[in-house]
PDB file of N, CA and C in Angstrom:
ATOM      1  N   MET A   1    -102.934-132.169  48.016  1.00  0.00           N
ATOM      2  CA  MET A   1    -103.214-131.709  49.681  1.00  0.00           C
ATOM      3  C   MET A   1    -104.448-131.767  49.556  1.00  0.00           C
ATOM      4  N   PHE A   2    -104.900-131.831  50.900  1.00  0.00           N
ATOM      5  CA  PHE A   2    -106.178-132.135  51.718  1.00  0.00           C
ATOM      6  C   PHE A   2    -106.031-130.591  52.033  1.00  0.00           C
ATOM      7  N   ARG A   3    -107.798-129.925  51.859  1.00  0.00           N
ATOM      8  CA  ARG A   3    -107.430-128.714  52.816  1.00  0.00           C
ATOM      9  C   ARG A   3    -108.930-129.626  54.002  1.00  0.00           C
ATOM     10  N   ARG A   4    -108.714-128.879  55.259  1.00  0.00           N
ATOM     11  CA  ARG A   4    -109.583-129.262  56.268  1.00  0.00           C
ATOM     12  C   ARG A   4    -111.037-128.791  55.832  1.00  0.00           C
ATOM     13  N   ARG A   5    -112.025-128.959  55.982  1.00  0.00           N
ATOM     14  CA  ARG A   5    -113.130-128.082  56.180  1.00  0.00           C
ATOM     15  C   ARG A   5    -113.653-128.052  57.229  1.00  0.00           C
ATOM     16  N   GLU A   6    -113.590-126.319  57.714  1.00  0.00           N
ATOM     17  CA  GLU A   6    -113.939-126.098  58.725  1.00  0.00           C
ATOM     18  C   GLU A   6    -115.347-125.442  58.779  1.00  0.00           C
ATOM     19  N   PRO A   7    -116.758-125.361  59.516  1.00  0.00           N
ATOM     20  CA  PRO A   7    -117.588-124.495  59.295  1.00  0.00           C
ATOM     21  C   PRO A   7    -116.456-123.156  59.686  1.00  0.00           C
ATOM     22  N   VAL A   8    -117.553-122.328  59.168  1.00  0.00           N
ATOM     23  CA  VAL A   8    -117.527-120.699  58.878  1.00  0.00           C
ATOM     24  C   VAL A   8    -118.592-119.813  59.199  1.00  0.00           C
ATOM     25  N   PRO A   9    -118.855-119.302  60.279  1.00  0.00           N
ATOM     26  CA  PRO A   9    -119.713-118.708  60.855  1.00  0.00           C
ATOM     27  C   PRO A   9    -120.087-117.286  60.134  1.00  0.00           C
ATOM     28  N   PHE A  10    -121.529-117.338  59.652  1.00  0.00           N
ATOM     29  CA  PHE A  10    -121.200-116.286  58.566  1.00  0.00           C
ATOM     30  C   PHE A  10    -122.405-115.134  59.113  1.00  0.00           C
ATOM     31  N   ALA A  11    -122.353-115.202  60.620  1.00  0.00           N
ATOM     32  CA  ALA A  11    -123.229-114.296  61.230  1.00  0.00           C
ATOM     33  C   ALA A  11    -122.692-112.791  61.072  1.00  0.00           C
ATOM     34  N   PHE A  12    -121.583-112.730  61.085  1.00  0.00           N
ATOM     35  CA  PHE A  12    -120.590-111.474  60.601  1.00  0.00           C
ATOM     36  C   PHE A  12    -121.278-110.944  59.553  1.00  0.00           C
ATOM     37  N   ILE A  13    -121.655-111.426  58.392  1.00  0.00           N
ATOM     38  CA  ILE A  13    -121.755-111.022  57.533  1.00  0.00           C
ATOM     39  C   ILE A  13    -123.428-110.565  57.507  1.00  0.00           C
ATOM     40  N   ALA A  14    -124.450-111.421  58.302  1.00  0.00           N
ATOM     41  CA  ALA A  14    -125.370-110.373  58.479  1.00  0.00           C
ATOM     42  C   ALA A  14    -125.557-109.393  58.603  1.00  0.00           C
ATOM     43  N   GLU A  15    -124.902-109.247  59.882  1.00  0.00           N
ATOM     44  CA  GLU A  15    -124.779-108.202  60.661  1.00  0.00           C
ATOM     45  C   GLU A  15    -124.439-107.052  60.282  1.00  0.00           C
ATOM     46  N   ALA A  16    -123.168-107.092  58.819  1.00  0.00           N
ATOM     47  CA  ALA A  16    -122.495-106.015  58.222  1.00  0.00           C
ATOM     48  C   ALA A  16    -124.091-105.166  57.452  1.00  0.00           C
ATOM     49  N   ASP A  17    -125.068-106.329  56.637  1.00  0.00           N
ATOM     50  CA  ASP A  17    -125.488-105.443  56.227  1.00  0.00           C
ATOM     51  C   ASP A  17    -126.898-104.429  56.948  1.00  0.00           C
ATOM     52  N   LYS A  18    -127.112-104.936  58.142  1.00  0.00           N
ATOM     53  CA  LYS A  18    -127.513-104.405  59.232  1.00  0.00           C
ATOM     54  C   LYS A  18    -126.540-102.635  59.792  1.00  0.00           C
ATOM     55  N   PHE A  19    -125.630-102.889  58.962  1.00  0.00           N
ATOM     56  CA  PHE A  19    -124.926-101.501  60.125  1.00  0.00           C
ATOM     57  C   PHE A  19    -125.211-100.693  59.571  1.00  0.00           C
ATOM     58  N   ARG A  20    -125.079 -99.441  60.137  1.00  0.00           N
ATOM     59  CA  ARG A  20    -125.552 -98.076  59.527  1.00  0.00           C
ATOM     60  C   ARG A  20    -124.709 -97.387  60.203  1.00  0.00           C
ATOM     61  N   SER A  21    -123.902 -96.112  59.151  1.00  0.00           N
ATOM     62  CA  SER A  21    -122.535 -95.215  60.420  1.00  0.00           C
ATOM     63  C   SER A  21    -123.890 -94.590  60.184  1.00  0.00           C
ATOM     64  N   ASN A  22    -122.803 -93.648  61.319  1.00  0.00           N
ATOM     65  CA  ASN A  22    -123.303 -92.159  62.172  1.00  0.00           C
ATOM     66  C   ASN A  22    -122.352 -91.232  61.608  1.00  0.00           C
ATOM     67  N   VAL A  23    -121.158 -91.583  60.860  1.00  0.00           N
ATOM     68  CA  VAL A  23    -121.117 -90.483  59.726  1.00  0.00           C
ATOM     69  C   VAL A  23    -121.246 -89.836  58.345  1.00  0.00           C
ATOM     70  N   THR A  24    -121.902 -88.823  58.535  1.00  0.00           N
ATOM     71  CA  THR A  24    -121.851 -87.882  57.586  1.00  0.00           C
ATOM     72  C   THR A  24    -120.829 -87.936  56.645  1.00  0.00           C
ATOM     73  N   PRO A  25    -121.487 -87.917  55.417  1.00  0.00           N
ATOM     74  CA  PRO A  25    -120.728 -87.480  54.238  1.00  0.00           C
ATOM     75  C   PRO A  25    -120.042 -86.390  53.916  1.00  0.00           C
ATOM     76  N   PRO A  26    -119.173 -85.369  53.541  1.00  0.00           N
ATOM     77  CA  PRO A  26    -119.157 -84.011  53.494  1.00  0.00           C
ATOM     78  C   PRO A  26    -119.893 -83.393  51.862  1.00  0.00           C
ATOM     79  N   ALA A  27    -120.590 -82.497  52.606  1.00  0.00           N
ATOM     80  CA  ALA A  27    -121.040 -82.138  51.194  1.00  0.00           C
ATOM     81  C   ALA A  27    -120.828 -81.536  50.353  1.00  0.00           C
ATOM     82  N   ARG A  28    -121.382 -81.749  48.878  1.00  0.00           N
ATOM     83  CA  ARG A  28    -120.520 -81.697  47.048  1.00  0.00           C
ATOM     84  C   ARG A  28    -120.717 -80.248  46.663  1.00  0.00           C
ATOM     85  N   GLU A  29    -119.522 -79.867  46.957  1.00  0.00           N
ATOM     86  CA  GLU A  29    -119.354 -78.259  46.435  1.00  0.00           C
ATOM     87  C   GLU A  29    -120.241 -77.825  45.099  1.00  0.00           C
ATOM     88  N   ARG A  30    -120.533 -76.780  44.798  1.00  0.00           N
ATOM     89  CA  ARG A  30    -121.794 -76.171  44.080  1.00  0.00           C
ATOM     90  C   ARG A  30    -120.647 -75.811  42.601  1.00  0.00           C
ATOM     91  N   PRO A  31    -120.755 -76.326  41.535  1.00  0.00           N
ATOM     92  CA  PRO A  31    -120.336 -75.946  40.573  1.00  0.00           C
ATOM     93  C   PRO A  31    -120.150 -74.654  40.820  1.00  0.00           C
ATOM     94  N   SER A  32    -119.305 -74.332  39.787  1.00  0.00           N
ATOM     95  CA  SER A  32    -118.962 -72.514  39.545  1.00  0.00           C
ATOM     96  C   SER A  32    -120.233 -72.328  38.209  1.00  0.00           C
ATOM     97  N   VAL A  33    -120.314 -71.090  38.341  1.00  0.00           N
ATOM     98  CA  VAL A  33    -121.271 -70.466  36.793  1.00  0.00           C
ATOM     99  C   VAL A  33    -120.510 -71.052  35.833  1.00  0.00           C
ATOM    100  N   SER A  34    -119.088 -70.953  35.860  1.00  0.00           N
ATOM    101  CA  SER A  34    -118.506 -71.055  34.532  1.00  0.00           C
ATOM    102  C   SER A  34    -118.709 -72.457  33.673  1.00  0.00           C
ATOM    103  N   GLN A  35    -118.380 -73.562  35.132  1.00  0.00           N
ATOM    104  CA  GLN A  35    -118.509 -74.594  34.879  1.00  0.00           C
ATOM    105  C   GLN A  35    -120.127 -75.211  34.607  1.00  0.00           C
ATOM    106  N   LEU A  36    -121.203 -74.817  34.936  1.00  0.00           N
ATOM    107  CA  LEU A  36    -122.314 -75.057  34.884  1.00  0.00           C
ATOM    108  C   LEU A  36    -122.409 -74.331  33.130  1.00  0.00           C
ATOM    109  N   ALA A  37    -122.021 -73.098  32.711  1.00  0.00           N
ATOM    110  CA  ALA A  37    -121.805 -73.162  31.438  1.00  0.00           C
ATOM    111  C   ALA A  37    -121.502 -73.296  30.389  1.00  0.00           C
ATOM    112  N   GLY A  38    -119.514 -74.187  31.336  1.00  0.00           N
ATOM    113  CA  GLY A  38    -119.110 -75.113  29.982  1.00  0.00           C
ATOM    114  C   GLY A  38    -120.059 -75.936  29.733  1.00  0.00           C
ATOM    115  N   ARG A  39    -121.073 -76.914  30.962  1.00  0.00           N
ATOM    116  CA  ARG A  39    -121.641 -77.949  30.599  1.00  0.00           C
ATOM    117  C   ARG A  39    -122.810 -77.781  29.478  1.00  0.00           C
ATOM    118  N   TRP A  40    -123.031 -76.487  30.029  1.00  0.00           N
ATOM    119  CA  TRP A  40    -124.154 -76.384  28.760  1.00  0.00           C
ATOM    120  C   TRP A  40    -123.639 -76.600  26.938  1.00  0.00           C
ATOM    121  N   LEU A  41    -121.892 -75.470  27.167  1.00  0.00           N
ATOM    122  CA  LEU A  41    -121.839 -75.124  25.949  1.00  0.00           C
ATOM    123  C   LEU A  41    -121.784 -76.578  25.463  1.00  0.00           C
ATOM    124  N   VAL A  42    -120.538 -77.441  25.659  1.00  0.00           N
ATOM    125  CA  VAL A  42    -120.695 -78.915  25.499  1.00  0.00           C
ATOM    126  C   VAL A  42    -122.048 -80.266  25.480  1.00  0.00           C
ATOM    127  N   GLY A  43    -122.799 -79.862  26.130  1.00  0.00           N
ATOM    128  CA  GLY A  43    -124.305 -80.128  25.591  1.00  0.00           C
ATOM    129  C   GLY A  43    -124.686 -80.038  24.319  1.00  0.00           C
ATOM    130  N   LEU A  44    -124.802 -78.373  24.324  1.00  0.00           N
ATOM    131  CA  LEU A  44    -125.640 -77.749  22.820  1.00  0.00           C
ATOM    132  C   LEU A  44    -124.569 -78.116  21.609  1.00  0.00           C
ATOM    133  N   THR A  45    -123.187 -78.454  21.996  1.00  0.00           N
ATOM    134  CA  THR A  45    -122.528 -78.603  21.039  1.00  0.00           C
ATOM    135  C   THR A  45    -122.621 -80.003  20.082  1.00  0.00           C
ATOM    136  N   VAL A  46    -122.731 -81.161  21.120  1.00  0.00           N
ATOM    137  CA  VAL A  46    -123.565 -82.464  21.053  1.00  0.00           C
ATOM    138  C   VAL A  46    -124.494 -82.652  20.177  1.00  0.00           C
ATOM    139  N   VAL A  47    -125.628 -81.815  20.776  1.00  0.00           N
ATOM    140  CA  VAL A  47    -127.179 -82.325  20.407  1.00  0.00           C
ATOM    141  C   VAL A  47    -126.859 -81.143  19.298  1.00  0.00           C
ATOM    142  N   ALA A  48    -126.316 -80.148  18.553  1.00  0.00           N
ATOM    143  CA  ALA A  48    -126.074 -79.701  17.156  1.00  0.00           C
ATOM    144  C   ALA A  48    -125.226 -80.230  16.661  1.00  0.00           C
ATOM    145  N   GLY A  49    -124.374 -81.183  17.245  1.00  0.00           N
ATOM    146  CA  GLY A  49    -123.722 -81.893  16.249  1.00  0.00           C
ATOM    147  C   GLY A  49    -124.599 -82.826  15.449  1.00  0.00           C
ATOM    148  N   ILE A  50    -125.463 -84.049  16.225  1.00  0.00           N
ATOM    149  CA  ILE A  50    -126.647 -85.252  16.149  1.00  0.00           C
ATOM    150  C   ILE A  50    -127.478 -84.300  15.163  1.00  0.00           C
ATOM    151  N   THR A  51    -127.833 -82.783  15.217  1.00  0.00           N
ATOM    152  CA  THR A  51    -129.124 -82.803  14.413  1.00  0.00           C
ATOM    153  C   THR A  51    -128.261 -82.428  12.960  1.00  0.00           C
ATOM    154  N   GLY A  52    -127.166 -81.572  13.386  1.00  0.00           N
ATOM    155  CA  GLY A  52    -126.966 -81.503  11.757  1.00  0.00           C
ATOM    156  C   GLY A  52    -126.415 -82.651  11.171  1.00  0.00           C
ATOM    157  N   SER A  53    -125.960 -83.577  11.772  1.00  0.00           N
ATOM    158  CA  SER A  53    -125.806 -85.000  10.715  1.00  0.00           C
ATOM    159  C   SER A  53    -126.900 -85.747  10.495  1.00  0.00           C
ATOM    160  N   LEU A  54    -127.985 -85.274  11.008  1.00  0.00           N
ATOM    161  CA  LEU A  54    -129.444 -86.172  10.801  1.00  0.00           C
ATOM    162  C   LEU A  54    -129.729 -84.785   9.630  1.00  0.00           C
ATOM    163  N   LEU A  55    -129.282 -83.645   9.696  1.00  0.00           N
ATOM    164  CA  LEU A  55    -129.912 -82.601   8.519  1.00  0.00           C
ATOM    165  C   LEU A  55    -129.671 -83.436   7.487  1.00  0.00           C
ATOM    166  N   PHE A  56    -128.235 -83.199   7.288  1.00  0.00           N
ATOM    167  CA  PHE A  56    -127.157 -83.658   5.995  1.00  0.00           C
ATOM    168  C   PHE A  56    -127.304 -84.847   5.798  1.00  0.00           C
ATOM    169  N   GLY A  57    -127.586 -85.681   6.171  1.00  0.00           N
ATOM    170  CA  GLY A  57    -127.392 -87.429   6.256  1.00  0.00           C
ATOM    171  C   GLY A  57    -128.578 -88.096   5.454  1.00  0.00           C
ATOM    172  N   MET A  58    -129.851 -87.817   5.987  1.00  0.00           N
ATOM    173  CA  MET A  58    -131.051 -88.431   5.756  1.00  0.00           C
ATOM    174  C   MET A  58    -131.561 -88.110   4.615  1.00  0.00           C
ATOM    175  N   PRO A  59    -131.153 -86.726   3.877  1.00  0.00           N
ATOM    176  CA  PRO A  59    -131.178 -87.239   1.952  1.00  0.00           C
ATOM    177  C   PRO A  59    -130.297 -87.493   1.321  1.00  0.00           C
ATOM    178  N   ALA A  60    -129.001 -87.803   1.896  1.00  0.00           N
ATOM    179  CA  ALA A  60    -128.353 -89.027   1.210  1.00  0.00           C
ATOM    180  C   ALA A  60    -128.348 -90.400   1.758  1.00  0.00           C
ATOM    181  N   LEU A  61    -129.665 -90.405   2.412  1.00  0.00           N
ATOM    182  CA  LEU A  61    -129.954 -92.181   2.665  1.00  0.00           C
ATOM    183  C   LEU A  61    -131.253 -92.561   1.808  1.00  0.00           C
ATOM    184  N   SER A  62    -132.071 -91.304   1.547  1.00  0.00           N
ATOM    185  CA  SER A  62    -133.498 -91.290   1.118  1.00  0.00           C
ATOM    186  C   SER A  62    -133.179 -92.079  -0.371  1.00  0.00           C
ATOM    187  N   ALA A  63    -134.124 -92.878  -0.872  1.00  0.00           N
ATOM    188  CA  ALA A  63    -133.983 -93.837  -2.149  1.00  0.00           C
ATOM    189  C   ALA A  63    -135.184 -93.053  -3.197  1.00  0.00           C
ATOM    190  N   ASP A  64    -134.970 -91.511  -3.220  1.00  0.00           N
ATOM    191  CA  ASP A  64    -135.473 -91.325  -3.973  1.00  0.00           C
ATOM    192  C   ASP A  64    -135.942 -91.329  -5.840  1.00  0.00           C
ATOM    193  N   GLN A  65    -136.880 -92.130  -6.146  1.00  0.00           N
ATOM    194  CA  GLN A  65    -136.843 -92.725  -7.529  1.00  0.00           C
ATOM    195  C   GLN A  65    -137.269 -92.087  -8.589  1.00  0.00           C
ATOM    196  N   SER A  66    -137.378 -90.900  -8.287  1.00  0.00           N
ATOM    197  CA  SER A  66    -138.257 -89.423  -8.816  1.00  0.00           C
ATOM    198  C   SER A  66    -136.797 -88.997  -9.807  1.00  0.00           C
ATOM    199  N   THR A  67    -135.746 -88.669  -9.304  1.00  0.00           N
ATOM    200  CA  THR A  67    -134.038 -88.298  -9.539  1.00  0.00           C
ATOM    201  C   THR A  67    -133.162 -89.644  -9.917  1.00  0.00           C
ATOM    202  N   GLN A  68    -133.516 -90.375 -10.357  1.00  0.00           N
ATOM    203  CA  GLN A  68    -132.564 -91.531 -10.902  1.00  0.00           C
ATOM    204  C   GLN A  68    -131.720 -90.736 -12.422  1.00  0.00           C
ATOM    205  N   HIS A  69    -130.728 -91.012 -12.150  1.00  0.00           N
ATOM    206  CA  HIS A  69    -130.177 -90.591 -13.439  1.00  0.00           C
ATOM    207  C   HIS A  69    -129.099 -91.856 -13.851  1.00  0.00           C
ATOM    208  N   VAL A  70    -129.352 -91.404 -15.504  1.00  0.00           N
ATOM    209  CA  VAL A  70    -129.083 -92.881 -15.893  1.00  0.00           C
ATOM    210  C   VAL A  70    -127.671 -92.499 -16.585  1.00  0.00           C
ATOM    211  N   GLN A  71    -126.195 -93.259 -16.319  1.00  0.00           N
ATOM    212  CA  GLN A  71    -124.554 -93.075 -16.572  1.00  0.00           C
ATOM    213  C   GLN A  71    -124.561 -93.623 -17.548  1.00  0.00           C
ATOM    214  N   GLN A  72    -124.253 -92.473 -18.666  1.00  0.00           N
ATOM    215  CA  GLN A  72    -123.943 -93.513 -19.402  1.00  0.00           C
ATOM    216  C   GLN A  72    -122.433 -93.293 -20.239  1.00  0.00           C
ATOM    217  N   SER A  73    -121.846 -94.014 -20.404  1.00  0.00           N
ATOM    218  CA  SER A  73    -120.108 -93.680 -20.820  1.00  0.00           C
ATOM    219  C   SER A  73    -120.019 -93.042 -22.294  1.00  0.00           C
ATOM    220  N   GLU A  74    -118.671 -92.003 -22.157  1.00  0.00           N
ATOM    221  CA  GLU A  74    -118.647 -91.749 -23.610  1.00  0.00           C
ATOM    222  C   GLU A  74    -118.025 -92.804 -24.707  1.00  0.00           C
ATOM    223  N   ALA A  75    -117.390 -94.097 -24.108  1.00  0.00           N
ATOM    224  CA  ALA A  75    -117.247 -94.987 -25.458  1.00  0.00           C
ATOM    225  C   ALA A  75    -118.705 -95.717 -25.294  1.00  0.00           C
ATOM    226  N   SER A  76    -119.681 -95.770 -24.496  1.00  0.00           N
ATOM    227  CA  SER A  76    -120.554 -95.790 -25.849  1.00  0.00           C
ATOM    228  C   SER A  76    -121.664 -94.993 -26.828  1.00  0.00           C
ATOM    229  N   ASP A  77    -120.627 -94.016 -27.149  1.00  0.00           N
ATOM    230  CA  ASP A  77    -121.668 -92.902 -27.746  1.00  0.00           C
ATOM    231  C   ASP A  77    -121.186 -93.195 -29.270  1.00  0.00           C
ATOM    232  N   GLY A  78    -120.480 -94.235 -30.111  1.00  0.00           N
ATOM    233  CA  GLY A  78    -120.309 -94.742 -30.887  1.00  0.00           C
ATOM    234  C   GLY A  78    -119.413 -93.872 -31.549  1.00  0.00           C
ATOM    235  N   ARG A  79    -118.768 -93.121 -31.852  1.00  0.00           N
ATOM    236  CA  ARG A  79    -117.722 -92.303 -32.197  1.00  0.00           C
ATOM    237  C   ARG A  79    -117.437 -92.632 -33.469  1.00  0.00           C
TER     238      ARG A  79
END
């Protein structure tokens, strides 16, 4: 099936970019004190968790050669 190719006027697209609405959106509601406190507590908890994981994780990731322990099995003691 063949479709007919008809020219489409694209003037309405150019006019749509210039259109400005004269209707203003409603004002945003201000968050209450409890909502602000909750956001601060969540943020503080996230920052404390990241800081704690770095403090406890960095010593485990460091490769100090001065604290090498040589493991020996009891089977190699030659009883």
